[in-house]
Amino acid sequence: DVIKIENTAAGDVTRQVSTRRGGMTASF
Protein backbone atom coordinates (compact mmCIF):
# COMPACT_ATOMS: atom_id res chain seq x y z
CA ASP A 1 0.00 0.00 0.00
CA VAL A 2 1.95 2.99 -1.31
CA ILE A 3 0.73 6.38 -0.11
CA LYS A 4 2.22 8.96 -2.45
CA ILE A 5 2.60 12.35 -0.76
CA GLU A 6 2.45 15.16 -3.35
CA ASN A 7 2.64 18.92 -2.96
CA THR A 8 -0.60 20.87 -3.26
CA ALA A 9 0.67 23.18 -6.01
CA ALA A 10 1.12 20.74 -8.89
CA GLY A 11 2.14 17.36 -7.48
CA ASP A 12 4.86 15.20 -8.97
CA VAL A 13 6.69 17.14 -11.70
CA THR A 14 6.02 14.35 -14.21
CA ARG A 15 2.35 15.35 -14.10
CA GLN A 16 3.38 18.42 -16.11
CA VAL A 17 5.38 16.87 -18.98
CA SER A 18 4.26 16.10 -22.53
CA THR A 19 2.59 13.00 -24.04
CA ARG A 20 -0.71 13.24 -22.23
CA ARG A 21 -4.39 12.42 -22.52
CA GLY A 22 -7.23 13.52 -20.31
CA GLY A 23 -4.82 15.63 -18.28
CA MET A 24 -2.68 12.60 -17.36
CA THR A 25 0.86 12.16 -18.71
CA ALA A 26 2.32 8.87 -19.88
CA SER A 27 5.36 9.37 -17.65
CA PHE A 28 3.25 9.76 -14.52
PDB file of all heavy atoms in Angstrom:
ATOM      1  N   ASP A   1       0.867  -1.177   0.000  1.00  0.00           N
ATOM      2  CA  ASP A   1       0.000   0.000   0.000  1.00  0.00           C
ATOM      3  C   ASP A   1       0.906   1.230   0.000  1.00  0.00           C
ATOM      4  O   ASP A   1       1.489   1.581   1.016  1.00  0.00           O
ATOM      5  CB  ASP A   1      -0.892  -0.008   1.244  1.00  0.00           C
ATOM      6  CG  ASP A   1      -1.762   1.243   1.357  1.00  0.00           C
ATOM      7  OD1 ASP A   1      -1.967   1.933   0.333  1.00  0.00           O
ATOM      8  OD2 ASP A   1      -2.234   1.534   2.481  1.00  0.00           O
ATOM      9  N   VAL A   2       1.064   1.842  -1.164  1.00  0.00           N
ATOM     10  CA  VAL A   2       1.951   2.994  -1.306  1.00  0.00           C
ATOM     11  C   VAL A   2       1.124   4.270  -1.265  1.00  0.00           C
ATOM     12  O   VAL A   2       0.267   4.498  -2.119  1.00  0.00           O
ATOM     13  CB  VAL A   2       2.762   2.921  -2.614  1.00  0.00           C
ATOM     14  CG1 VAL A   2       3.607   4.185  -2.792  1.00  0.00           C
ATOM     15  CG2 VAL A   2       3.658   1.683  -2.615  1.00  0.00           C
ATOM     16  N   ILE A   3       1.396   5.086  -0.243  1.00  0.00           N
ATOM     17  CA  ILE A   3       0.732   6.385  -0.113  1.00  0.00           C
ATOM     18  C   ILE A   3       1.695   7.443  -0.630  1.00  0.00           C
ATOM     19  O   ILE A   3       2.715   7.723  -0.018  1.00  0.00           O
ATOM     20  CB  ILE A   3       0.345   6.661   1.349  1.00  0.00           C
ATOM     21  CG1 ILE A   3      -0.617   5.576   1.847  1.00  0.00           C
ATOM     22  CG2 ILE A   3      -0.283   8.046   1.480  1.00  0.00           C
ATOM     23  CD1 ILE A   3      -0.933   5.679   3.319  1.00  0.00           C
ATOM     24  N   LYS A   4       1.355   7.986  -1.780  1.00  0.00           N
ATOM     25  CA  LYS A   4       2.219   8.960  -2.448  1.00  0.00           C
ATOM     26  C   LYS A   4       1.865  10.356  -1.953  1.00  0.00           C
ATOM     27  O   LYS A   4       0.757  10.837  -2.189  1.00  0.00           O
ATOM     28  CB  LYS A   4       2.048   8.861  -3.960  1.00  0.00           C
ATOM     29  CG  LYS A   4       2.961   9.797  -4.760  1.00  0.00           C
ATOM     30  CD  LYS A   4       2.772   9.592  -6.259  1.00  0.00           C
ATOM     31  CE  LYS A   4       3.639  10.531  -7.071  1.00  0.00           C
ATOM     32  NZ  LYS A   4       5.077  10.194  -6.983  1.00  0.00           N
ATOM     33  N   ILE A   5       2.805  10.997  -1.258  1.00  0.00           N
ATOM     34  CA  ILE A   5       2.599  12.355  -0.762  1.00  0.00           C
ATOM     35  C   ILE A   5       3.057  13.334  -1.833  1.00  0.00           C
ATOM     36  O   ILE A   5       4.223  13.324  -2.237  1.00  0.00           O
ATOM     37  CB  ILE A   5       3.390  12.605   0.542  1.00  0.00           C
ATOM     38  CG1 ILE A   5       3.077  11.517   1.587  1.00  0.00           C
ATOM     39  CG2 ILE A   5       3.103  14.002   1.081  1.00  0.00           C
ATOM     40  CD1 ILE A   5       1.661  11.504   2.073  1.00  0.00           C
ATOM     41  N   GLU A   6       2.128  14.190  -2.311  1.00  0.00           N
ATOM     42  CA  GLU A   6       2.451  15.164  -3.349  1.00  0.00           C
ATOM     43  C   GLU A   6       2.131  16.570  -2.876  1.00  0.00           C
ATOM     44  O   GLU A   6       1.186  16.778  -2.095  1.00  0.00           O
ATOM     45  CB  GLU A   6       1.661  14.870  -4.617  1.00  0.00           C
ATOM     46  CG  GLU A   6       1.912  13.491  -5.202  1.00  0.00           C
ATOM     47  CD  GLU A   6       1.196  13.303  -6.523  1.00  0.00           C
ATOM     48  OE1 GLU A   6       1.625  13.906  -7.527  1.00  0.00           O
ATOM     49  OE2 GLU A   6       0.178  12.577  -6.542  1.00  0.00           O
ATOM     50  N   ASN A   7       2.904  17.539  -3.364  1.00  0.00           N
ATOM     51  CA  ASN A   7       2.641  18.915  -2.961  1.00  0.00           C
ATOM     52  C   ASN A   7       1.315  19.399  -3.529  1.00  0.00           C
ATOM     53  O   ASN A   7       0.809  18.880  -4.538  1.00  0.00           O
ATOM     54  CB  ASN A   7       3.794  19.837  -3.383  1.00  0.00           C
ATOM     55  CG  ASN A   7       3.899  19.983  -4.890  1.00  0.00           C
ATOM     56  OD1 ASN A   7       3.045  20.581  -5.529  1.00  0.00           O
ATOM     57  ND2 ASN A   7       4.961  19.434  -5.461  1.00  0.00           N
ATOM     58  N   THR A   8       0.740  20.386  -2.878  1.00  0.00           N
ATOM     59  CA  THR A   8      -0.597  20.870  -3.263  1.00  0.00           C
ATOM     60  C   THR A   8      -0.572  21.752  -4.502  1.00  0.00           C
ATOM     61  O   THR A   8      -1.621  21.977  -5.118  1.00  0.00           O
ATOM     62  CB  THR A   8      -1.231  21.654  -2.098  1.00  0.00           C
ATOM     63  OG1 THR A   8      -0.320  22.673  -1.669  1.00  0.00           O
ATOM     64  CG2 THR A   8      -1.547  20.742  -0.930  1.00  0.00           C
ATOM     65  N   ALA A   9       0.601  22.257  -4.875  1.00  0.00           N
ATOM     66  CA  ALA A   9       0.669  23.182  -6.014  1.00  0.00           C
ATOM     67  C   ALA A   9       0.437  22.464  -7.336  1.00  0.00           C
ATOM     68  O   ALA A   9      -0.445  22.835  -8.118  1.00  0.00           O
ATOM     69  CB  ALA A   9       2.018  23.894  -6.023  1.00  0.00           C
ATOM     70  N   ALA A  10       1.227  21.429  -7.599  1.00  0.00           N
ATOM     71  CA  ALA A  10       1.117  20.737  -8.886  1.00  0.00           C
ATOM     72  C   ALA A  10       1.392  19.246  -8.793  1.00  0.00           C
ATOM     73  O   ALA A  10       1.220  18.519  -9.764  1.00  0.00           O
ATOM     74  CB  ALA A  10       2.087  21.363  -9.894  1.00  0.00           C
ATOM     75  N   GLY A  11       1.827  18.775  -7.634  1.00  0.00           N
ATOM     76  CA  GLY A  11       2.137  17.361  -7.480  1.00  0.00           C
ATOM     77  C   GLY A  11       3.462  16.994  -8.119  1.00  0.00           C
ATOM     78  O   GLY A  11       4.308  17.840  -8.381  1.00  0.00           O
ATOM     79  N   ASP A  12       3.651  15.722  -8.340  1.00  0.00           N
ATOM     80  CA  ASP A  12       4.860  15.200  -8.968  1.00  0.00           C
ATOM     81  C   ASP A  12       5.122  15.956 -10.275  1.00  0.00           C
ATOM     82  O   ASP A  12       4.204  16.158 -11.085  1.00  0.00           O
ATOM     83  CB  ASP A  12       4.666  13.705  -9.247  1.00  0.00           C
ATOM     84  CG  ASP A  12       5.939  12.983  -9.652  1.00  0.00           C
ATOM     85  OD1 ASP A  12       6.675  13.507 -10.509  1.00  0.00           O
ATOM     86  OD2 ASP A  12       6.191  11.891  -9.123  1.00  0.00           O
ATOM     87  N   VAL A  13       6.376  16.336 -10.515  1.00  0.00           N
ATOM     88  CA  VAL A  13       6.689  17.136 -11.701  1.00  0.00           C
ATOM     89  C   VAL A  13       6.369  16.405 -12.991  1.00  0.00           C
ATOM     90  O   VAL A  13       6.132  17.047 -14.029  1.00  0.00           O
ATOM     91  CB  VAL A  13       8.162  17.585 -11.705  1.00  0.00           C
ATOM     92  CG1 VAL A  13       8.463  18.467 -10.513  1.00  0.00           C
ATOM     93  CG2 VAL A  13       9.107  16.384 -11.725  1.00  0.00           C
ATOM     94  N   THR A  14       6.335  15.073 -12.970  1.00  0.00           N
ATOM     95  CA  THR A  14       6.023  14.355 -14.207  1.00  0.00           C
ATOM     96  C   THR A  14       4.552  14.478 -14.591  1.00  0.00           C
ATOM     97  O   THR A  14       4.176  14.083 -15.694  1.00  0.00           O
ATOM     98  CB  THR A  14       6.403  12.866 -14.109  1.00  0.00           C
ATOM     99  OG1 THR A  14       5.664  12.243 -13.040  1.00  0.00           O
ATOM    100  CG2 THR A  14       7.892  12.692 -13.861  1.00  0.00           C
ATOM    101  N   ARG A  15       3.731  15.040 -13.713  1.00  0.00           N
ATOM    102  CA  ARG A  15       2.346  15.345 -14.097  1.00  0.00           C
ATOM    103  C   ARG A  15       2.297  16.463 -15.137  1.00  0.00           C
ATOM    104  O   ARG A  15       1.271  16.639 -15.803  1.00  0.00           O
ATOM    105  CB  ARG A  15       1.523  15.752 -12.879  1.00  0.00           C
ATOM    106  CG  ARG A  15       1.210  14.632 -11.891  1.00  0.00           C
ATOM    107  CD  ARG A  15       0.266  15.138 -10.818  1.00  0.00           C
ATOM    108  NE  ARG A  15      -0.056  14.139  -9.808  1.00  0.00           N
ATOM    109  CZ  ARG A  15      -1.048  13.244  -9.891  1.00  0.00           C
ATOM    110  NH1 ARG A  15      -1.808  13.219 -10.973  1.00  0.00           N
ATOM    111  NH2 ARG A  15      -1.270  12.387  -8.904  1.00  0.00           N
ATOM    112  N   GLN A  16       3.389  17.226 -15.276  1.00  0.00           N
ATOM    113  CA  GLN A  16       3.375  18.418 -16.112  1.00  0.00           C
ATOM    114  C   GLN A  16       4.042  18.217 -17.472  1.00  0.00           C
ATOM    115  O   GLN A  16       4.069  19.144 -18.279  1.00  0.00           O
ATOM    116  CB  GLN A  16       4.084  19.578 -15.385  1.00  0.00           C
ATOM    117  CG  GLN A  16       3.680  19.756 -13.936  1.00  0.00           C
ATOM    118  CD  GLN A  16       2.177  19.907 -13.756  1.00  0.00           C
ATOM    119  OE1 GLN A  16       1.521  20.617 -14.525  1.00  0.00           O
ATOM    120  NE2 GLN A  16       1.635  19.238 -12.748  1.00  0.00           N
ATOM    121  N   VAL A  17       4.621  17.044 -17.749  1.00  0.00           N
ATOM    122  CA  VAL A  17       5.385  16.868 -18.981  1.00  0.00           C
ATOM    123  C   VAL A  17       4.460  16.548 -20.151  1.00  0.00           C
ATOM    124  O   VAL A  17       3.230  16.526 -20.010  1.00  0.00           O
ATOM    125  CB  VAL A  17       6.456  15.771 -18.807  1.00  0.00           C
ATOM    126  CG1 VAL A  17       7.424  16.155 -17.700  1.00  0.00           C
ATOM    127  CG2 VAL A  17       5.816  14.412 -18.509  1.00  0.00           C
ATOM    128  N   SER A  18       5.055  16.323 -21.316  1.00  0.00           N
ATOM    129  CA  SER A  18       4.260  16.096 -22.529  1.00  0.00           C
ATOM    130  C   SER A  18       3.848  14.636 -22.652  1.00  0.00           C
ATOM    131  O   SER A  18       4.141  13.815 -21.783  1.00  0.00           O
ATOM    132  CB  SER A  18       5.065  16.511 -23.754  1.00  0.00           C
ATOM    133  OG  SER A  18       6.261  15.764 -23.838  1.00  0.00           O
ATOM    134  N   THR A  19       3.200  14.303 -23.759  1.00  0.00           N
ATOM    135  CA  THR A  19       2.592  13.002 -24.039  1.00  0.00           C
ATOM    136  C   THR A  19       1.524  12.722 -22.992  1.00  0.00           C
ATOM    137  O   THR A  19       1.733  12.018 -22.005  1.00  0.00           O
ATOM    138  CB  THR A  19       3.641  11.865 -24.068  1.00  0.00           C
ATOM    139  OG1 THR A  19       4.747  12.255 -24.897  1.00  0.00           O
ATOM    140  CG2 THR A  19       3.045  10.586 -24.618  1.00  0.00           C
ATOM    141  N   ARG A  20       0.359  13.303 -23.227  1.00  0.00           N
ATOM    142  CA  ARG A  20      -0.712  13.236 -22.233  1.00  0.00           C
ATOM    143  C   ARG A  20      -2.052  13.009 -22.905  1.00  0.00           C
ATOM    144  O   ARG A  20      -2.234  13.238 -24.098  1.00  0.00           O
ATOM    145  CB  ARG A  20      -0.750  14.528 -21.408  1.00  0.00           C
ATOM    146  CG  ARG A  20      -0.990  15.785 -22.227  1.00  0.00           C
ATOM    147  CD  ARG A  20      -1.159  17.043 -21.368  1.00  0.00           C
ATOM    148  NE  ARG A  20      -0.045  17.275 -20.481  1.00  0.00           N
ATOM    149  CZ  ARG A  20      -0.166  17.435 -19.159  1.00  0.00           C
ATOM    150  NH1 ARG A  20      -1.359  17.378 -18.602  1.00  0.00           N
ATOM    151  NH2 ARG A  20       0.886  17.671 -18.419  1.00  0.00           N
ATOM    152  N   ARG A  21      -3.000  12.539 -22.098  1.00  0.00           N
ATOM    153  CA  ARG A  21      -4.393  12.420 -22.522  1.00  0.00           C
ATOM    154  C   ARG A  21      -5.267  12.555 -21.290  1.00  0.00           C
ATOM    155  O   ARG A  21      -4.963  11.999 -20.239  1.00  0.00           O
ATOM    156  CB  ARG A  21      -4.645  11.070 -23.214  1.00  0.00           C
ATOM    157  CG  ARG A  21      -6.053  10.965 -23.817  1.00  0.00           C
ATOM    158  CD  ARG A  21      -6.188   9.747 -24.708  1.00  0.00           C
ATOM    159  NE  ARG A  21      -6.136   8.499 -23.947  1.00  0.00           N
ATOM    160  CZ  ARG A  21      -6.083   7.291 -24.496  1.00  0.00           C
ATOM    161  NH1 ARG A  21      -6.034   7.176 -25.826  1.00  0.00           N
ATOM    162  NH2 ARG A  21      -6.053   6.209 -23.754  1.00  0.00           N
ATOM    163  N   GLY A  22      -6.317  13.327 -21.426  1.00  0.00           N
ATOM    164  CA  GLY A  22      -7.229  13.524 -20.314  1.00  0.00           C
ATOM    165  C   GLY A  22      -6.575  14.192 -19.116  1.00  0.00           C
ATOM    166  O   GLY A  22      -7.015  13.993 -17.979  1.00  0.00           O
ATOM    167  N   GLY A  23      -5.512  14.959 -19.372  1.00  0.00           N
ATOM    168  CA  GLY A  23      -4.822  15.634 -18.283  1.00  0.00           C
ATOM    169  C   GLY A  23      -3.795  14.776 -17.567  1.00  0.00           C
ATOM    170  O   GLY A  23      -3.123  15.248 -16.648  1.00  0.00           O
ATOM    171  N   MET A  24      -3.635  13.510 -17.991  1.00  0.00           N
ATOM    172  CA  MET A  24      -2.676  12.600 -17.358  1.00  0.00           C
ATOM    173  C   MET A  24      -1.537  12.330 -18.333  1.00  0.00           C
ATOM    174  O   MET A  24      -1.771  12.035 -19.504  1.00  0.00           O
ATOM    175  CB  MET A  24      -3.343  11.283 -16.969  1.00  0.00           C
ATOM    176  CG  MET A  24      -4.479  11.418 -15.978  1.00  0.00           C
ATOM    177  SD  MET A  24      -3.949  11.863 -14.309  1.00  0.00           S
ATOM    178  CE  MET A  24      -3.230  10.319 -13.742  1.00  0.00           C
ATOM    179  N   THR A  25      -0.285  12.409 -17.850  1.00  0.00           N
ATOM    180  CA  THR A  25       0.859  12.161 -18.714  1.00  0.00           C
ATOM    181  C   THR A  25       1.262  10.694 -18.691  1.00  0.00           C
ATOM    182  O   THR A  25       1.066   9.992 -17.688  1.00  0.00           O
ATOM    183  CB  THR A  25       2.078  13.005 -18.288  1.00  0.00           C
ATOM    184  OG1 THR A  25       2.571  12.524 -17.028  1.00  0.00           O
ATOM    185  CG2 THR A  25       1.714  14.486 -18.175  1.00  0.00           C
ATOM    186  N   ALA A  26       1.851  10.258 -19.805  1.00  0.00           N
ATOM    187  CA  ALA A  26       2.317   8.866 -19.877  1.00  0.00           C
ATOM    188  C   ALA A  26       3.389   8.596 -18.835  1.00  0.00           C
ATOM    189  O   ALA A  26       3.418   7.526 -18.221  1.00  0.00           O
ATOM    190  CB  ALA A  26       2.845   8.564 -21.281  1.00  0.00           C
ATOM    191  N   SER A  27       4.286   9.572 -18.626  1.00  0.00           N
ATOM    192  CA  SER A  27       5.357   9.374 -17.648  1.00  0.00           C
ATOM    193  C   SER A  27       4.798   9.145 -16.253  1.00  0.00           C
ATOM    194  O   SER A  27       5.239   8.237 -15.537  1.00  0.00           O
ATOM    195  CB  SER A  27       6.301  10.580 -17.644  1.00  0.00           C
ATOM    196  OG  SER A  27       7.330  10.409 -16.693  1.00  0.00           O
ATOM    197  N   PHE A  28       3.830   9.944 -15.848  1.00  0.00           N
ATOM    198  CA  PHE A  28       3.249   9.756 -14.519  1.00  0.00           C
ATOM    199  C   PHE A  28       2.500   8.425 -14.441  1.00  0.00           C
ATOM    200  O   PHE A  28       2.637   7.676 -13.468  1.00  0.00           O
ATOM    201  CB  PHE A  28       2.318  10.909 -14.162  1.00  0.00           C
ATOM    202  CG  PHE A  28       1.795  10.830 -12.750  1.00  0.00           C
ATOM    203  CD1 PHE A  28       2.561  11.287 -11.687  1.00  0.00           C
ATOM    204  CD2 PHE A  28       0.564  10.257 -12.475  1.00  0.00           C
ATOM    205  CE1 PHE A  28       2.109  11.178 -10.374  1.00  0.00           C
ATOM    206  CE2 PHE A  28       0.099  10.140 -11.170  1.00  0.00           C
ATOM    207  CZ  PHE A  28       0.873  10.615 -10.124  1.00  0.00           C
TER     208      PHE A  28
END
